[in-house]
PDB file of N, CA and C in Angstrom:
ATOM      1  N   MET A   1       7.237 -22.721 -21.833  1.00  0.00           N
ATOM      2  CA  MET A   1       7.892 -21.840 -20.880  1.00  0.00           C
ATOM      3  C   MET A   1       7.053 -20.574 -20.717  1.00  0.00           C
ATOM      4  N   ALA A   2       6.924 -20.107 -19.495  1.00  0.00           N
ATOM      5  CA  ALA A   2       6.097 -18.942 -19.188  1.00  0.00           C
ATOM      6  C   ALA A   2       6.782 -17.652 -19.615  1.00  0.00           C
ATOM      7  N   THR A   3       5.988 -16.719 -20.081  1.00  0.00           N
ATOM      8  CA  THR A   3       6.452 -15.381 -20.385  1.00  0.00           C
ATOM      9  C   THR A   3       6.025 -14.470 -19.243  1.00  0.00           C
ATOM     10  N   VAL A   4       6.932 -13.619 -18.781  1.00  0.00           N
ATOM     11  CA  VAL A   4       6.656 -12.739 -17.646  1.00  0.00           C
ATOM     12  C   VAL A   4       6.584 -11.300 -18.136  1.00  0.00           C
ATOM     13  N   THR A   5       5.519 -10.617 -17.788  1.00  0.00           N
ATOM     14  CA  THR A   5       5.352  -9.200 -18.087  1.00  0.00           C
ATOM     15  C   THR A   5       5.215  -8.448 -16.776  1.00  0.00           C
ATOM     16  N   GLU A   6       6.066  -7.463 -16.558  1.00  0.00           N
ATOM     17  CA  GLU A   6       5.987  -6.645 -15.352  1.00  0.00           C
ATOM     18  C   GLU A   6       4.728  -5.778 -15.401  1.00  0.00           C
ATOM     19  N   MET A   7       4.008  -5.747 -14.312  1.00  0.00           N
ATOM     20  CA  MET A   7       2.822  -4.907 -14.175  1.00  0.00           C
ATOM     21  C   MET A   7       3.176  -3.758 -13.232  1.00  0.00           C
ATOM     22  N   PRO A   8       2.436  -2.651 -13.304  1.00  0.00           N
ATOM     23  CA  PRO A   8       2.739  -1.532 -12.405  1.00  0.00           C
ATOM     24  C   PRO A   8       2.635  -1.942 -10.934  1.00  0.00           C
ATOM     25  N   ASN A   9       3.617  -1.528 -10.161  1.00  0.00           N
ATOM     26  CA  ASN A   9       3.607  -1.796  -8.725  1.00  0.00           C
ATOM     27  C   ASN A   9       2.628  -0.866  -8.033  1.00  0.00           C
ATOM     28  N   ARG A  10       2.260  -1.250  -6.797  1.00  0.00           N
ATOM     29  CA  ARG A  10       1.271  -0.470  -6.057  1.00  0.00           C
ATOM     30  C   ARG A  10       1.615  -0.530  -4.577  1.00  0.00           C
ATOM     31  N   ILE A  11       1.350   0.565  -3.865  1.00  0.00           N
ATOM     32  CA  ILE A  11       1.443   0.525  -2.412  1.00  0.00           C
ATOM     33  C   ILE A  11       0.028   0.601  -1.848  1.00  0.00           C
ATOM     34  N   ARG A  12      -0.183  -0.135  -0.798  1.00  0.00           N
ATOM     35  CA  ARG A  12      -1.482  -0.160  -0.150  1.00  0.00           C
ATOM     36  C   ARG A  12      -1.279   0.236   1.306  1.00  0.00           C
ATOM     37  N   LEU A  13      -1.976   1.289   1.716  1.00  0.00           N
ATOM     38  CA  LEU A  13      -1.911   1.767   3.096  1.00  0.00           C
ATOM     39  C   LEU A  13      -3.173   1.310   3.817  1.00  0.00           C
ATOM     40  N   ARG A  14      -2.997   0.704   4.971  1.00  0.00           N
ATOM     41  CA  ARG A  14      -4.132   0.248   5.779  1.00  0.00           C
ATOM     42  C   ARG A  14      -4.213   1.134   7.009  1.00  0.00           C
ATOM     43  N   PHE A  15      -5.388   1.738   7.188  1.00  0.00           N
ATOM     44  CA  PHE A  15      -5.608   2.686   8.280  1.00  0.00           C
ATOM     45  C   PHE A  15      -6.619   2.151   9.280  1.00  0.00           C
ATOM     46  N   GLU A  16      -6.423   2.523  10.537  1.00  0.00           N
ATOM     47  CA  GLU A  16      -7.429   2.288  11.564  1.00  0.00           C
ATOM     48  C   GLU A  16      -8.287   3.547  11.599  1.00  0.00           C
ATOM     49  N   THR A  17      -9.562   3.403  11.199  1.00  0.00           N
ATOM     50  CA  THR A  17     -10.413   4.583  11.028  1.00  0.00           C
ATOM     51  C   THR A  17     -11.440   4.770  12.129  1.00  0.00           C
ATOM     52  N   GLY A  18     -11.482   3.861  13.071  1.00  0.00           N
ATOM     53  CA  GLY A  18     -12.442   3.984  14.164  1.00  0.00           C
ATOM     54  C   GLY A  18     -12.637   2.643  14.844  1.00  0.00           C
ATOM     55  N   PHE A  19     -13.740   2.546  15.595  1.00  0.00           N
ATOM     56  CA  PHE A  19     -14.050   1.326  16.328  1.00  0.00           C
ATOM     57  C   PHE A  19     -15.520   0.984  16.145  1.00  0.00           C
ATOM     58  N   ASN A  20     -15.827  -0.310  16.110  1.00  0.00           N
ATOM     59  CA  ASN A  20     -17.220  -0.726  16.010  1.00  0.00           C
ATOM     60  C   ASN A  20     -17.859  -0.758  17.398  1.00  0.00           C
ATOM     61  N   GLU A  21     -19.118  -1.199  17.460  1.00  0.00           N
ATOM     62  CA  GLU A  21     -19.851  -1.185  18.730  1.00  0.00           C
ATOM     63  C   GLU A  21     -19.269  -2.142  19.766  1.00  0.00           C
ATOM     64  N   LYS A  22     -18.466  -3.127  19.331  1.00  0.00           N
ATOM     65  CA  LYS A  22     -17.825  -4.057  20.263  1.00  0.00           C
ATOM     66  C   LYS A  22     -16.431  -3.593  20.675  1.00  0.00           C
ATOM     67  N   GLY A  23     -16.010  -2.446  20.149  1.00  0.00           N
ATOM     68  CA  GLY A  23     -14.698  -1.916  20.498  1.00  0.00           C
ATOM     69  C   GLY A  23     -13.557  -2.410  19.625  1.00  0.00           C
ATOM     70  N   ASN A  24     -13.886  -3.188  18.591  1.00  0.00           N
ATOM     71  CA  ASN A  24     -12.864  -3.674  17.668  1.00  0.00           C
ATOM     72  C   ASN A  24     -12.546  -2.599  16.631  1.00  0.00           C
ATOM     73  N   PRO A  25     -11.298  -2.526  16.202  1.00  0.00           N
ATOM     74  CA  PRO A  25     -10.939  -1.496  15.230  1.00  0.00           C
ATOM     75  C   PRO A  25     -11.572  -1.733  13.852  1.00  0.00           C
ATOM     76  N   ILE A  26     -11.878  -0.636  13.191  1.00  0.00           N
ATOM     77  CA  ILE A  26     -12.364  -0.656  11.811  1.00  0.00           C
ATOM     78  C   ILE A  26     -11.203  -0.215  10.932  1.00  0.00           C
ATOM     79  N   PHE A  27     -10.961  -0.972   9.859  1.00  0.00           N
ATOM     80  CA  PHE A  27      -9.848  -0.669   8.968  1.00  0.00           C
ATOM     81  C   PHE A  27     -10.352  -0.239   7.600  1.00  0.00           C
ATOM     82  N   SER A  28      -9.574   0.614   6.969  1.00  0.00           N
ATOM     83  CA  SER A  28      -9.835   1.072   5.616  1.00  0.00           C
ATOM     84  C   SER A  28      -8.504   1.076   4.865  1.00  0.00           C
ATOM     85  N   THR A  29      -8.545   0.813   3.575  1.00  0.00           N
ATOM     86  CA  THR A  29      -7.306   0.812   2.791  1.00  0.00           C
ATOM     87  C   THR A  29      -7.365   1.865   1.697  1.00  0.00           C
ATOM     88  N   GLN A  30      -6.199   2.355   1.358  1.00  0.00           N
ATOM     89  CA  GLN A  30      -6.035   3.309   0.260  1.00  0.00           C
ATOM     90  C   GLN A  30      -4.870   2.811  -0.583  1.00  0.00           C
ATOM     91  N   SER A  31      -5.071   2.703  -1.886  1.00  0.00           N
ATOM     92  CA  SER A  31      -4.019   2.211  -2.778  1.00  0.00           C
ATOM     93  C   SER A  31      -3.505   3.335  -3.665  1.00  0.00           C
ATOM     94  N   PHE A  32      -2.217   3.265  -3.952  1.00  0.00           N
ATOM     95  CA  PHE A  32      -1.560   4.199  -4.857  1.00  0.00           C
ATOM     96  C   PHE A  32      -0.801   3.371  -5.883  1.00  0.00           C
ATOM     97  N   SER A  33      -1.142   3.550  -7.154  1.00  0.00           N
ATOM     98  CA  SER A  33      -0.567   2.712  -8.199  1.00  0.00           C
ATOM     99  C   SER A  33       0.551   3.424  -8.949  1.00  0.00           C
ATOM    100  N   LYS A  34       1.115   2.688  -9.884  1.00  0.00           N
ATOM    101  CA  LYS A  34       2.177   3.170 -10.771  1.00  0.00           C
ATOM    102  C   LYS A  34       3.449   3.549 -10.017  1.00  0.00           C
ATOM    103  N   VAL A  35       3.780   2.752  -9.008  1.00  0.00           N
ATOM    104  CA  VAL A  35       5.044   2.934  -8.294  1.00  0.00           C
ATOM    105  C   VAL A  35       6.158   2.428  -9.208  1.00  0.00           C
ATOM    106  N   LYS A  36       7.178   3.213  -9.390  1.00  0.00           N
ATOM    107  CA  LYS A  36       8.269   2.824 -10.275  1.00  0.00           C
ATOM    108  C   LYS A  36       8.909   1.519  -9.810  1.00  0.00           C
ATOM    109  N   GLU A  37       9.186   0.642 -10.763  1.00  0.00           N
ATOM    110  CA  GLU A  37       9.771  -0.658 -10.441  1.00  0.00           C
ATOM    111  C   GLU A  37      11.158  -0.536  -9.827  1.00  0.00           C
ATOM    112  N   ASP A  38      11.892   0.511 -10.201  1.00  0.00           N
ATOM    113  CA  ASP A  38      13.257   0.659  -9.696  1.00  0.00           C
ATOM    114  C   ASP A  38      13.341   1.540  -8.452  1.00  0.00           C
ATOM    115  N   ALA A  39      12.178   1.903  -7.883  1.00  0.00           N
ATOM    116  CA  ALA A  39      12.171   2.724  -6.664  1.00  0.00           C
ATOM    117  C   ALA A  39      12.734   1.904  -5.498  1.00  0.00           C
ATOM    118  N   LEU A  40      13.533   2.536  -4.691  1.00  0.00           N
ATOM    119  CA  LEU A  40      14.117   1.873  -3.525  1.00  0.00           C
ATOM    120  C   LEU A  40      13.049   1.664  -2.454  1.00  0.00           C
ATOM    121  N   HIS A  41      13.139   0.546  -1.748  1.00  0.00           N
ATOM    122  CA  HIS A  41      12.149   0.245  -0.712  1.00  0.00           C
ATOM    123  C   HIS A  41      12.118   1.311   0.372  1.00  0.00           C
ATOM    124  N   ASP A  42      13.273   1.853   0.737  1.00  0.00           N
ATOM    125  CA  ASP A  42      13.304   2.916   1.748  1.00  0.00           C
ATOM    126  C   ASP A  42      12.576   4.163   1.259  1.00  0.00           C
ATOM    127  N   ASP A  43      12.719   4.489  -0.020  1.00  0.00           N
ATOM    128  CA  ASP A  43      12.027   5.651  -0.582  1.00  0.00           C
ATOM    129  C   ASP A  43      10.515   5.427  -0.612  1.00  0.00           C
ATOM    130  N   ILE A  44      10.097   4.231  -0.986  1.00  0.00           N
ATOM    131  CA  ILE A  44       8.669   3.905  -1.005  1.00  0.00           C
ATOM    132  C   ILE A  44       8.093   4.011   0.409  1.00  0.00           C
ATOM    133  N   TYR A  45       8.830   3.518   1.379  1.00  0.00           N
ATOM    134  CA  TYR A  45       8.406   3.577   2.779  1.00  0.00           C
ATOM    135  C   TYR A  45       8.245   5.034   3.231  1.00  0.00           C
ATOM    136  N   ASP A  46       9.206   5.876   2.890  1.00  0.00           N
ATOM    137  CA  ASP A  46       9.146   7.286   3.280  1.00  0.00           C
ATOM    138  C   ASP A  46       7.955   7.990   2.637  1.00  0.00           C
ATOM    139  N   VAL A  47       7.723   7.724   1.355  1.00  0.00           N
ATOM    140  CA  VAL A  47       6.586   8.337   0.657  1.00  0.00           C
ATOM    141  C   VAL A  47       5.273   7.846   1.250  1.00  0.00           C
ATOM    142  N   ALA A  48       5.179   6.559   1.534  1.00  0.00           N
ATOM    143  CA  ALA A  48       3.953   6.008   2.113  1.00  0.00           C
ATOM    144  C   ALA A  48       3.644   6.647   3.464  1.00  0.00           C
ATOM    145  N   ASN A  49       4.655   6.843   4.281  1.00  0.00           N
ATOM    146  CA  ASN A  49       4.437   7.494   5.577  1.00  0.00           C
ATOM    147  C   ASN A  49       4.025   8.946   5.413  1.00  0.00           C
ATOM    148  N   THR A  50       4.593   9.632   4.443  1.00  0.00           N
ATOM    149  CA  THR A  50       4.199  11.020   4.182  1.00  0.00           C
ATOM    150  C   THR A  50       2.749  11.091   3.716  1.00  0.00           C
ATOM    151  N   LEU A  51       2.343  10.181   2.818  1.00  0.00           N
ATOM    152  CA  LEU A  51       0.951  10.132   2.372  1.00  0.00           C
ATOM    153  C   LEU A  51       0.020   9.812   3.536  1.00  0.00           C
ATOM    154  N   ALA A  52       0.445   8.916   4.400  1.00  0.00           N
ATOM    155  CA  ALA A  52      -0.379   8.547   5.554  1.00  0.00           C
ATOM    156  C   ALA A  52      -0.594   9.744   6.477  1.00  0.00           C
ATOM    157  N   ASP A  53       0.431  10.558   6.655  1.00  0.00           N
ATOM    158  CA  ASP A  53       0.299  11.759   7.490  1.00  0.00           C
ATOM    159  C   ASP A  53      -0.768  12.694   6.936  1.00  0.00           C
ATOM    160  N   LEU A  54      -0.900  12.757   5.626  1.00  0.00           N
ATOM    161  CA  LEU A  54      -1.892  13.631   5.002  1.00  0.00           C
ATOM    162  C   LEU A  54      -3.310  13.099   5.150  1.00  0.00           C
ATOM    163  N   CYS A  55      -3.462  11.805   5.363  1.00  0.00           N
ATOM    164  CA  CYS A  55      -4.793  11.194   5.442  1.00  0.00           C
ATOM    165  C   CYS A  55      -5.478  11.418   6.782  1.00  0.00           C
ATOM    166  N   GLY A  56      -4.705  11.592   7.850  1.00  0.00           N
ATOM    167  CA  GLY A  56      -5.302  11.919   9.139  1.00  0.00           C
ATOM    168  C   GLY A  56      -5.740  10.749   9.993  1.00  0.00           C
ATOM    169  N   TRP A  57      -5.559   9.511   9.548  1.00  0.00           N
ATOM    170  CA  TRP A  57      -5.900   8.341  10.344  1.00  0.00           C
ATOM    171  C   TRP A  57      -4.628   7.667  10.833  1.00  0.00           C
ATOM    172  N   THR A  58      -4.775   6.735  11.754  1.00  0.00           N
ATOM    173  CA  THR A  58      -3.641   5.982  12.270  1.00  0.00           C
ATOM    174  C   THR A  58      -3.239   4.908  11.255  1.00  0.00           C
ATOM    175  N   LEU A  59      -1.987   4.951  10.822  1.00  0.00           N
ATOM    176  CA  LEU A  59      -1.489   3.978   9.852  1.00  0.00           C
ATOM    177  C   LEU A  59      -1.251   2.647  10.549  1.00  0.00           C
ATOM    178  N   ASN A  60      -1.810   1.576   9.981  1.00  0.00           N
ATOM    179  CA  ASN A  60      -1.664   0.237  10.539  1.00  0.00           C
ATOM    180  C   ASN A  60      -0.598  -0.559   9.801  1.00  0.00           C
ATOM    181  N   SER A  61      -0.560  -0.450   8.454  1.00  0.00           N
ATOM    182  CA  SER A  61       0.435  -1.212   7.695  1.00  0.00           C
ATOM    183  C   SER A  61       0.638  -0.600   6.305  1.00  0.00           C
ATOM    184  N   ILE A  62       1.798  -0.910   5.738  1.00  0.00           N
ATOM    185  CA  ILE A  62       2.149  -0.517   4.376  1.00  0.00           C
ATOM    186  C   ILE A  62       2.476  -1.801   3.623  1.00  0.00           C
ATOM    187  N   THR A  63       1.849  -2.001   2.477  1.00  0.00           N
ATOM    188  CA  THR A  63       2.101  -3.181   1.662  1.00  0.00           C
ATOM    189  C   THR A  63       2.543  -2.738   0.274  1.00  0.00           C
ATOM    190  N   LEU A  64       3.646  -3.312  -0.198  1.00  0.00           N
ATOM    191  CA  LEU A  64       4.106  -3.083  -1.564  1.00  0.00           C
ATOM    192  C   LEU A  64       3.704  -4.295  -2.378  1.00  0.00           C
ATOM    193  N   GLU A  65       2.897  -4.074  -3.410  1.00  0.00           N
ATOM    194  CA  GLU A  65       2.459  -5.160  -4.286  1.00  0.00           C
ATOM    195  C   GLU A  65       3.216  -5.063  -5.597  1.00  0.00           C
ATOM    196  N   GLU A  66       4.049  -6.069  -5.847  1.00  0.00           N
ATOM    197  CA  GLU A  66       4.835  -6.127  -7.071  1.00  0.00           C
ATOM    198  C   GLU A  66       4.216  -7.200  -7.955  1.00  0.00           C
ATOM    199  N   ASP A  67       3.484  -6.772  -8.968  1.00  0.00           N
ATOM    200  CA  ASP A  67       2.726  -7.705  -9.803  1.00  0.00           C
ATOM    201  C   ASP A  67       3.483  -8.098 -11.062  1.00  0.00           C
ATOM    202  N   LYS A  68       3.303  -9.352 -11.449  1.00  0.00           N
ATOM    203  CA  LYS A  68       3.859  -9.866 -12.684  1.00  0.00           C
ATOM    204  C   LYS A  68       2.772 -10.691 -13.368  1.00  0.00           C
ATOM    205  N   LEU A  69       2.633 -10.531 -14.656  1.00  0.00           N
ATOM    206  CA  LEU A  69       1.675 -11.289 -15.432  1.00  0.00           C
ATOM    207  C   LEU A  69       2.413 -12.450 -16.081  1.00  0.00           C
ATOM    208  N   LEU A  70       1.941 -13.670 -15.818  1.00  0.00           N
ATOM    209  CA  LEU A  70       2.534 -14.865 -16.400  1.00  0.00           C
ATOM    210  C   LEU A  70       1.584 -15.427 -17.448  1.00  0.00           C
ATOM    211  N   TYR A  71       2.134 -15.744 -18.622  1.00  0.00           N
ATOM    212  CA  TYR A  71       1.329 -16.410 -19.653  1.00  0.00           C
ATOM    213  C   TYR A  71       2.209 -17.232 -20.546  1.00  0.00           C
TER     214      TYR A  71
END
């Protein structure tokens, strides 16, 4: 039987940082780790949007990564 260990959660913000020579968007990501496991999704969303406002680029997506180690 597998043993499950909770790993620190992380949010990943994907930004549109410009355009290449063909006019396609260029993306960059920024990750923030150690998100509390019991944090509400609405709170994480609000914090991610606030962090995105500080970065100065157009926010494309927010991803919450909830990791678990199985062994």
